[in-house]
Amino acid sequence: MKTILRSFLQNTAPMASLILILLALNTSFAQNGPGWYFTSYKFEDGTRQGESVLAGTTSKMKDVVSFTGAKGNLIISHKRTDVKTGTLLAAVKYNVIWSEPAAVLVADQKASINFTLKTLSSLGWKPDQQTIFFNQGGMGVYFATAEGTKYITKDMNGKLTTEKTILKGTPGTKKYIQMNFGKGFRATYNYEWRDK
């Protein structure tokens, strides 16, 4: 048994070394080659509350939009109650989970993000439409499901990939990936083109 193990290790060691060298070169290229480099992150908080009059009546409603969680995993809630009685009129609570976009977006390749939208509770409402796009071209390049859905309107769990490949930039040009979670919540990942 020892002889077989020794022979295996002797024959596979050169291949393992080659694989480690190739991985190191690939990592070095991704960190030092041309591409769109991540520079900063911004979260826009849609938390708010306000009162309005129910159409056709004098009854007042109170809307409260809030969230819990942190970067990569939010639970967003919107509740509407009757001000006078405190009765819940409508509500939705949903969880949005996403993976970090790549630190370097490489030209002529597509970018992908893992994304989950899950409805936790609902009374008459459903989660707002979710979109993710890279601001390339006039209308941006959307991240879409394998089936081509770019406007997420129902629960899903999977990978979203840009509809087109990422275009090359010029040094100093700035772009961003924007994730819209509905109710005024959004995350923006800012990038800058660097040749190395």
C-alpha atoms as a PDB file:
ATOM      1  CA  MET A   1       0.000   0.000   0.000  1.00  0.00           C
ATOM      2  CA  LYS A   2       2.834   2.396   0.876  1.00  0.00           C
ATOM      3  CA  THR A   3       4.473   1.666  -2.491  1.00  0.00           C
ATOM      4  CA  ILE A   4       1.277   2.504  -4.388  1.00  0.00           C
ATOM      5  CA  LEU A   5       0.806   5.749  -2.427  1.00  0.00           C
ATOM      6  CA  ARG A   6       4.454   6.764  -2.936  1.00  0.00           C
ATOM      7  CA  SER A   7       4.178   6.073  -6.696  1.00  0.00           C
ATOM      8  CA  PHE A   8       0.953   8.066  -6.914  1.00  0.00           C
ATOM      9  CA  LEU A   9       2.482  11.066  -5.127  1.00  0.00           C
ATOM     10  CA  GLN A  10       5.630  10.962  -7.263  1.00  0.00           C
ATOM     11  CA  ASN A  11       3.607  10.891 -10.497  1.00  0.00           C
ATOM     12  CA  THR A  12       1.063  13.540  -9.504  1.00  0.00           C
ATOM     13  CA  ALA A  13       3.358  16.020  -7.743  1.00  0.00           C
ATOM     14  CA  PRO A  14       4.566  17.650 -11.012  1.00  0.00           C
ATOM     15  CA  MET A  15       0.955  18.033 -12.196  1.00  0.00           C
ATOM     16  CA  ALA A  16      -0.119  19.529  -8.854  1.00  0.00           C
ATOM     17  CA  SER A  17       2.779  22.001  -9.037  1.00  0.00           C
ATOM     18  CA  LEU A  18       1.760  23.010 -12.562  1.00  0.00           C
ATOM     19  CA  ILE A  19      -1.849  23.538 -11.449  1.00  0.00           C
ATOM     20  CA  LEU A  20      -0.720  25.728  -8.535  1.00  0.00           C
ATOM     21  CA  ILE A  21       1.479  27.816 -10.862  1.00  0.00           C
ATOM     22  CA  LEU A  22      -1.396  28.282 -13.347  1.00  0.00           C
ATOM     23  CA  LEU A  23      -3.755  29.291 -10.543  1.00  0.00           C
ATOM     24  CA  ALA A  24      -1.228  31.819  -9.267  1.00  0.00           C
ATOM     25  CA  LEU A  25      -0.798  33.274 -12.760  1.00  0.00           C
ATOM     26  CA  ASN A  26      -4.550  33.481 -13.256  1.00  0.00           C
ATOM     27  CA  THR A  27      -5.000  35.250  -9.899  1.00  0.00           C
ATOM     28  CA  SER A  28      -2.170  37.607 -10.759  1.00  0.00           C
ATOM     29  CA  PHE A  29      -3.777  38.465 -14.103  1.00  0.00           C
ATOM     30  CA  ALA A  30      -7.178  39.068 -12.516  1.00  0.00           C
ATOM     31  CA  GLN A  31      -5.628  41.438  -9.984  1.00  0.00           C
ATOM     32  CA  ASN A  32      -3.185  43.198 -12.314  1.00  0.00           C
ATOM     33  CA  GLY A  33      -4.622  42.969 -15.847  1.00  0.00           C
ATOM     34  CA  PRO A  34      -6.884  45.435 -17.620  1.00  0.00           C
ATOM     35  CA  GLY A  35     -10.489  45.656 -16.463  1.00  0.00           C
ATOM     36  CA  TRP A  36     -13.153  47.467 -14.472  1.00  0.00           C
ATOM     37  CA  TYR A  37     -11.860  47.577 -10.879  1.00  0.00           C
ATOM     38  CA  PHE A  38     -14.206  47.873  -7.903  1.00  0.00           C
ATOM     39  CA  THR A  39     -13.660  51.188  -6.100  1.00  0.00           C
ATOM     40  CA  SER A  40     -16.557  51.710  -3.665  1.00  0.00           C
ATOM     41  CA  TYR A  41     -19.962  50.578  -2.430  1.00  0.00           C
ATOM     42  CA  LYS A  42     -23.020  52.691  -1.643  1.00  0.00           C
ATOM     43  CA  PHE A  43     -26.318  51.615  -0.064  1.00  0.00           C
ATOM     44  CA  GLU A  44     -29.438  53.743  -0.435  1.00  0.00           C
ATOM     45  CA  ASP A  45     -31.832  53.283   2.460  1.00  0.00           C
ATOM     46  CA  GLY A  46     -35.506  53.492   1.478  1.00  0.00           C
ATOM     47  CA  THR A  47     -36.739  53.596   5.091  1.00  0.00           C
ATOM     48  CA  ARG A  48     -39.641  56.019   5.463  1.00  0.00           C
ATOM     49  CA  GLN A  49     -43.063  56.531   6.969  1.00  0.00           C
ATOM     50  CA  GLY A  50     -45.922  58.818   6.135  1.00  0.00           C
ATOM     51  CA  GLU A  51     -49.662  59.310   6.234  1.00  0.00           C
ATOM     52  CA  SER A  52     -52.123  59.784   3.387  1.00  0.00           C
ATOM     53  CA  VAL A  53     -55.871  59.768   2.839  1.00  0.00           C
ATOM     54  CA  LEU A  54     -57.502  56.597   1.526  1.00  0.00           C
ATOM     55  CA  ALA A  55     -58.955  57.421  -1.908  1.00  0.00           C
ATOM     56  CA  GLY A  56     -62.675  58.241  -1.802  1.00  0.00           C
ATOM     57  CA  THR A  57     -62.783  58.491   2.012  1.00  0.00           C
ATOM     58  CA  THR A  58     -61.610  60.680   4.859  1.00  0.00           C
ATOM     59  CA  SER A  59     -59.786  57.744   6.488  1.00  0.00           C
ATOM     60  CA  LYS A  60     -56.061  58.154   6.976  1.00  0.00           C
ATOM     61  CA  MET A  61     -53.529  55.435   6.248  1.00  0.00           C
ATOM     62  CA  LYS A  62     -50.008  55.124   7.586  1.00  0.00           C
ATOM     63  CA  ASP A  63     -47.248  53.564   5.474  1.00  0.00           C
ATOM     64  CA  VAL A  64     -44.059  52.303   7.091  1.00  0.00           C
ATOM     65  CA  VAL A  65     -41.170  51.012   4.969  1.00  0.00           C
ATOM     66  CA  SER A  66     -38.179  49.526   6.798  1.00  0.00           C
ATOM     67  CA  PHE A  67     -35.421  46.962   6.564  1.00  0.00           C
ATOM     68  CA  THR A  68     -33.218  44.724   8.656  1.00  0.00           C
ATOM     69  CA  GLY A  69     -30.000  42.993   7.706  1.00  0.00           C
ATOM     70  CA  ALA A  70     -26.806  44.122   6.055  1.00  0.00           C
ATOM     71  CA  LYS A  71     -24.887  44.109   2.791  1.00  0.00           C
ATOM     72  CA  GLY A  72     -25.724  40.967   0.837  1.00  0.00           C
ATOM     73  CA  ASN A  73     -28.803  40.017   2.888  1.00  0.00           C
ATOM     74  CA  LEU A  74     -31.757  42.382   3.465  1.00  0.00           C
ATOM     75  CA  ILE A  75     -35.291  41.879   4.711  1.00  0.00           C
ATOM     76  CA  ILE A  76     -37.516  44.663   3.403  1.00  0.00           C
ATOM     77  CA  SER A  77     -40.944  45.384   4.891  1.00  0.00           C
ATOM     78  CA  HIS A  78     -43.818  47.676   3.841  1.00  0.00           C
ATOM     79  CA  LYS A  79     -46.926  47.916   6.037  1.00  0.00           C
ATOM     80  CA  ARG A  80     -50.038  50.049   5.556  1.00  0.00           C
ATOM     81  CA  THR A  81     -52.380  50.498   8.509  1.00  0.00           C
ATOM     82  CA  ASP A  82     -55.575  52.437   9.195  1.00  0.00           C
ATOM     83  CA  VAL A  83     -54.481  55.340  11.441  1.00  0.00           C
ATOM     84  CA  LYS A  84     -57.721  55.414  13.459  1.00  0.00           C
ATOM     85  CA  THR A  85     -58.167  51.682  14.102  1.00  0.00           C
ATOM     86  CA  GLY A  86     -54.622  50.379  13.702  1.00  0.00           C
ATOM     87  CA  THR A  87     -55.952  47.694  11.345  1.00  0.00           C
ATOM     88  CA  LEU A  88     -53.371  46.290   8.951  1.00  0.00           C
ATOM     89  CA  LEU A  89     -54.669  47.028   5.435  1.00  0.00           C
ATOM     90  CA  ALA A  90     -51.816  45.699   3.301  1.00  0.00           C
ATOM     91  CA  ALA A  91     -48.267  44.463   3.794  1.00  0.00           C
ATOM     92  CA  VAL A  92     -45.333  42.677   2.261  1.00  0.00           C
ATOM     93  CA  LYS A  93     -42.079  41.414   3.725  1.00  0.00           C
ATOM     94  CA  TYR A  94     -39.366  39.933   1.533  1.00  0.00           C
ATOM     95  CA  ASN A  95     -35.777  38.785   1.719  1.00  0.00           C
ATOM     96  CA  VAL A  96     -33.155  39.754  -0.870  1.00  0.00           C
ATOM     97  CA  ILE A  97     -29.820  37.929  -0.843  1.00  0.00           C
ATOM     98  CA  TRP A  98     -27.010  38.598  -3.313  1.00  0.00           C
ATOM     99  CA  SER A  99     -23.372  37.725  -3.820  1.00  0.00           C
ATOM    100  CA  GLU A 100     -20.697  40.374  -4.213  1.00  0.00           C
ATOM    101  CA  PRO A 101     -19.957  41.213  -7.852  1.00  0.00           C
ATOM    102  CA  ALA A 102     -16.429  40.439  -9.027  1.00  0.00           C
ATOM    103  CA  ALA A 103     -13.693  42.796  -7.830  1.00  0.00           C
ATOM    104  CA  VAL A 104     -12.549  43.062 -11.458  1.00  0.00           C
ATOM    105  CA  LEU A 105     -14.930  42.935 -14.435  1.00  0.00           C
ATOM    106  CA  VAL A 106     -12.970  41.714 -17.441  1.00  0.00           C
ATOM    107  CA  ALA A 107     -13.703  43.042 -20.946  1.00  0.00           C
ATOM    108  CA  ASP A 108     -15.260  40.624 -23.468  1.00  0.00           C
ATOM    109  CA  GLN A 109     -16.641  38.448 -20.665  1.00  0.00           C
ATOM    110  CA  LYS A 110     -20.040  38.352 -18.991  1.00  0.00           C
ATOM    111  CA  ALA A 111     -20.453  39.081 -15.276  1.00  0.00           C
ATOM    112  CA  SER A 112     -22.631  37.037 -12.909  1.00  0.00           C
ATOM    113  CA  ILE A 113     -24.191  37.436  -9.479  1.00  0.00           C
ATOM    114  CA  ASN A 114     -26.026  34.899  -7.329  1.00  0.00           C
ATOM    115  CA  PHE A 115     -29.410  36.318  -6.349  1.00  0.00           C
ATOM    116  CA  THR A 116     -32.340  35.252  -4.193  1.00  0.00           C
ATOM    117  CA  LEU A 117     -35.742  36.897  -3.783  1.00  0.00           C
ATOM    118  CA  LYS A 118     -38.069  35.246  -1.264  1.00  0.00           C
ATOM    119  CA  THR A 119     -41.463  36.479  -0.082  1.00  0.00           C
ATOM    120  CA  LEU A 120     -41.680  36.028   3.692  1.00  0.00           C
ATOM    121  CA  SER A 121     -45.241  37.327   4.198  1.00  0.00           C
ATOM    122  CA  SER A 122     -47.858  39.125   2.160  1.00  0.00           C
ATOM    123  CA  LEU A 123     -51.262  40.759   2.617  1.00  0.00           C
ATOM    124  CA  GLY A 124     -52.467  42.003  -0.765  1.00  0.00           C
ATOM    125  CA  TRP A 125     -49.014  43.061  -1.978  1.00  0.00           C
ATOM    126  CA  LYS A 126     -46.047  41.299  -3.515  1.00  0.00           C
ATOM    127  CA  PRO A 127     -42.364  42.306  -3.574  1.00  0.00           C
ATOM    128  CA  ASP A 128     -41.456  45.191  -5.871  1.00  0.00           C
ATOM    129  CA  GLN A 129     -39.692  44.443  -9.145  1.00  0.00           C
ATOM    130  CA  GLN A 130     -35.978  43.717  -8.730  1.00  0.00           C
ATOM    131  CA  THR A 131     -33.349  44.684 -11.316  1.00  0.00           C
ATOM    132  CA  ILE A 132     -29.577  44.615 -11.544  1.00  0.00           C
ATOM    133  CA  PHE A 133     -27.674  46.365 -14.327  1.00  0.00           C
ATOM    134  CA  PHE A 134     -24.250  47.561 -15.394  1.00  0.00           C
ATOM    135  CA  ASN A 135     -24.395  51.100 -16.831  1.00  0.00           C
ATOM    136  CA  GLN A 136     -22.878  50.258 -20.188  1.00  0.00           C
ATOM    137  CA  GLY A 137     -24.451  51.754 -23.302  1.00  0.00           C
ATOM    138  CA  GLY A 138     -27.609  53.868 -23.434  1.00  0.00           C
ATOM    139  CA  MET A 139     -29.954  51.692 -21.375  1.00  0.00           C
ATOM    140  CA  GLY A 140     -27.423  49.636 -19.430  1.00  0.00           C
ATOM    141  CA  VAL A 141     -26.763  45.918 -19.620  1.00  0.00           C
ATOM    142  CA  TYR A 142     -29.121  43.964 -17.389  1.00  0.00           C
ATOM    143  CA  PHE A 143     -28.307  40.858 -15.410  1.00  0.00           C
ATOM    144  CA  ALA A 144     -30.844  38.176 -16.380  1.00  0.00           C
ATOM    145  CA  THR A 145     -31.801  34.607 -15.526  1.00  0.00           C
ATOM    146  CA  ALA A 146     -30.832  31.732 -17.847  1.00  0.00           C
ATOM    147  CA  GLU A 147     -34.322  32.105 -19.359  1.00  0.00           C
ATOM    148  CA  GLY A 148     -33.702  35.788 -20.132  1.00  0.00           C
ATOM    149  CA  THR A 149     -35.789  37.353 -17.321  1.00  0.00           C
ATOM    150  CA  LYS A 150     -34.239  40.686 -16.313  1.00  0.00           C
ATOM    151  CA  TYR A 151     -37.161  42.145 -14.330  1.00  0.00           C
ATOM    152  CA  ILE A 152     -37.532  39.873 -11.305  1.00  0.00           C
ATOM    153  CA  THR A 153     -41.163  39.951 -10.138  1.00  0.00           C
ATOM    154  CA  LYS A 154     -41.489  36.626  -8.316  1.00  0.00           C
ATOM    155  CA  ASP A 155     -39.479  34.518  -5.907  1.00  0.00           C
ATOM    156  CA  MET A 156     -36.292  33.060  -7.361  1.00  0.00           C
ATOM    157  CA  ASN A 157     -32.942  31.642  -6.364  1.00  0.00           C
ATOM    158  CA  GLY A 158     -30.198  31.417  -8.954  1.00  0.00           C
ATOM    159  CA  LYS A 159     -27.523  33.079 -11.020  1.00  0.00           C
ATOM    160  CA  LEU A 160     -28.074  36.312 -12.928  1.00  0.00           C
ATOM    161  CA  THR A 161     -25.671  37.024 -15.790  1.00  0.00           C
ATOM    162  CA  THR A 162     -25.217  40.110 -17.962  1.00  0.00           C
ATOM    163  CA  GLU A 163     -27.084  39.908 -21.262  1.00  0.00           C
ATOM    164  CA  LYS A 164     -23.984  41.101 -23.117  1.00  0.00           C
ATOM    165  CA  THR A 165     -20.256  40.972 -22.534  1.00  0.00           C
ATOM    166  CA  ILE A 166     -18.547  43.790 -20.658  1.00  0.00           C
ATOM    167  CA  LEU A 167     -16.958  46.335 -22.990  1.00  0.00           C
ATOM    168  CA  LYS A 168     -13.402  47.617 -22.652  1.00  0.00           C
ATOM    169  CA  GLY A 169     -13.000  51.091 -21.175  1.00  0.00           C
ATOM    170  CA  THR A 170     -10.362  53.776 -21.180  1.00  0.00           C
ATOM    171  CA  PRO A 171      -8.220  54.598 -18.138  1.00  0.00           C
ATOM    172  CA  GLY A 172     -10.152  56.549 -15.512  1.00  0.00           C
ATOM    173  CA  THR A 173     -13.618  55.869 -16.985  1.00  0.00           C
ATOM    174  CA  LYS A 174     -16.149  55.088 -14.270  1.00  0.00           C
ATOM    175  CA  LYS A 175     -19.113  52.678 -14.370  1.00  0.00           C
ATOM    176  CA  TYR A 176     -21.309  50.948 -11.805  1.00  0.00           C
ATOM    177  CA  ILE A 177     -23.475  47.928 -11.100  1.00  0.00           C
ATOM    178  CA  GLN A 178     -26.772  49.011  -9.566  1.00  0.00           C
ATOM    179  CA  MET A 179     -29.067  46.613  -7.712  1.00  0.00           C
ATOM    180  CA  ASN A 180     -32.632  47.858  -7.251  1.00  0.00           C
ATOM    181  CA  PHE A 181     -34.519  46.051  -4.498  1.00  0.00           C
ATOM    182  CA  GLY A 182     -37.759  48.050  -4.572  1.00  0.00           C
ATOM    183  CA  LYS A 183     -39.242  50.444  -2.005  1.00  0.00           C
ATOM    184  CA  GLY A 184     -36.346  52.868  -2.595  1.00  0.00           C
ATOM    185  CA  PHE A 185     -33.598  50.442  -1.520  1.00  0.00           C
ATOM    186  CA  ARG A 186     -30.602  50.021  -3.802  1.00  0.00           C
ATOM    187  CA  ALA A 187     -26.970  48.977  -3.711  1.00  0.00           C
ATOM    188  CA  THR A 188     -24.372  50.449  -6.066  1.00  0.00           C
ATOM    189  CA  TYR A 189     -20.973  48.952  -6.763  1.00  0.00           C
ATOM    190  CA  ASN A 190     -18.679  51.521  -8.403  1.00  0.00           C
ATOM    191  CA  TYR A 191     -15.930  50.579 -10.848  1.00  0.00           C
ATOM    192  CA  GLU A 192     -13.100  52.311 -12.689  1.00  0.00           C
ATOM    193  CA  TRP A 193     -11.291  51.114 -15.822  1.00  0.00           C
ATOM    194  CA  ARG A 194      -7.599  50.446 -15.316  1.00  0.00           C
ATOM    195  CA  ASP A 195      -5.156  49.052 -17.846  1.00  0.00           C
ATOM    196  CA  LYS A 196      -3.253  47.301 -15.030  1.00  0.00           C
END
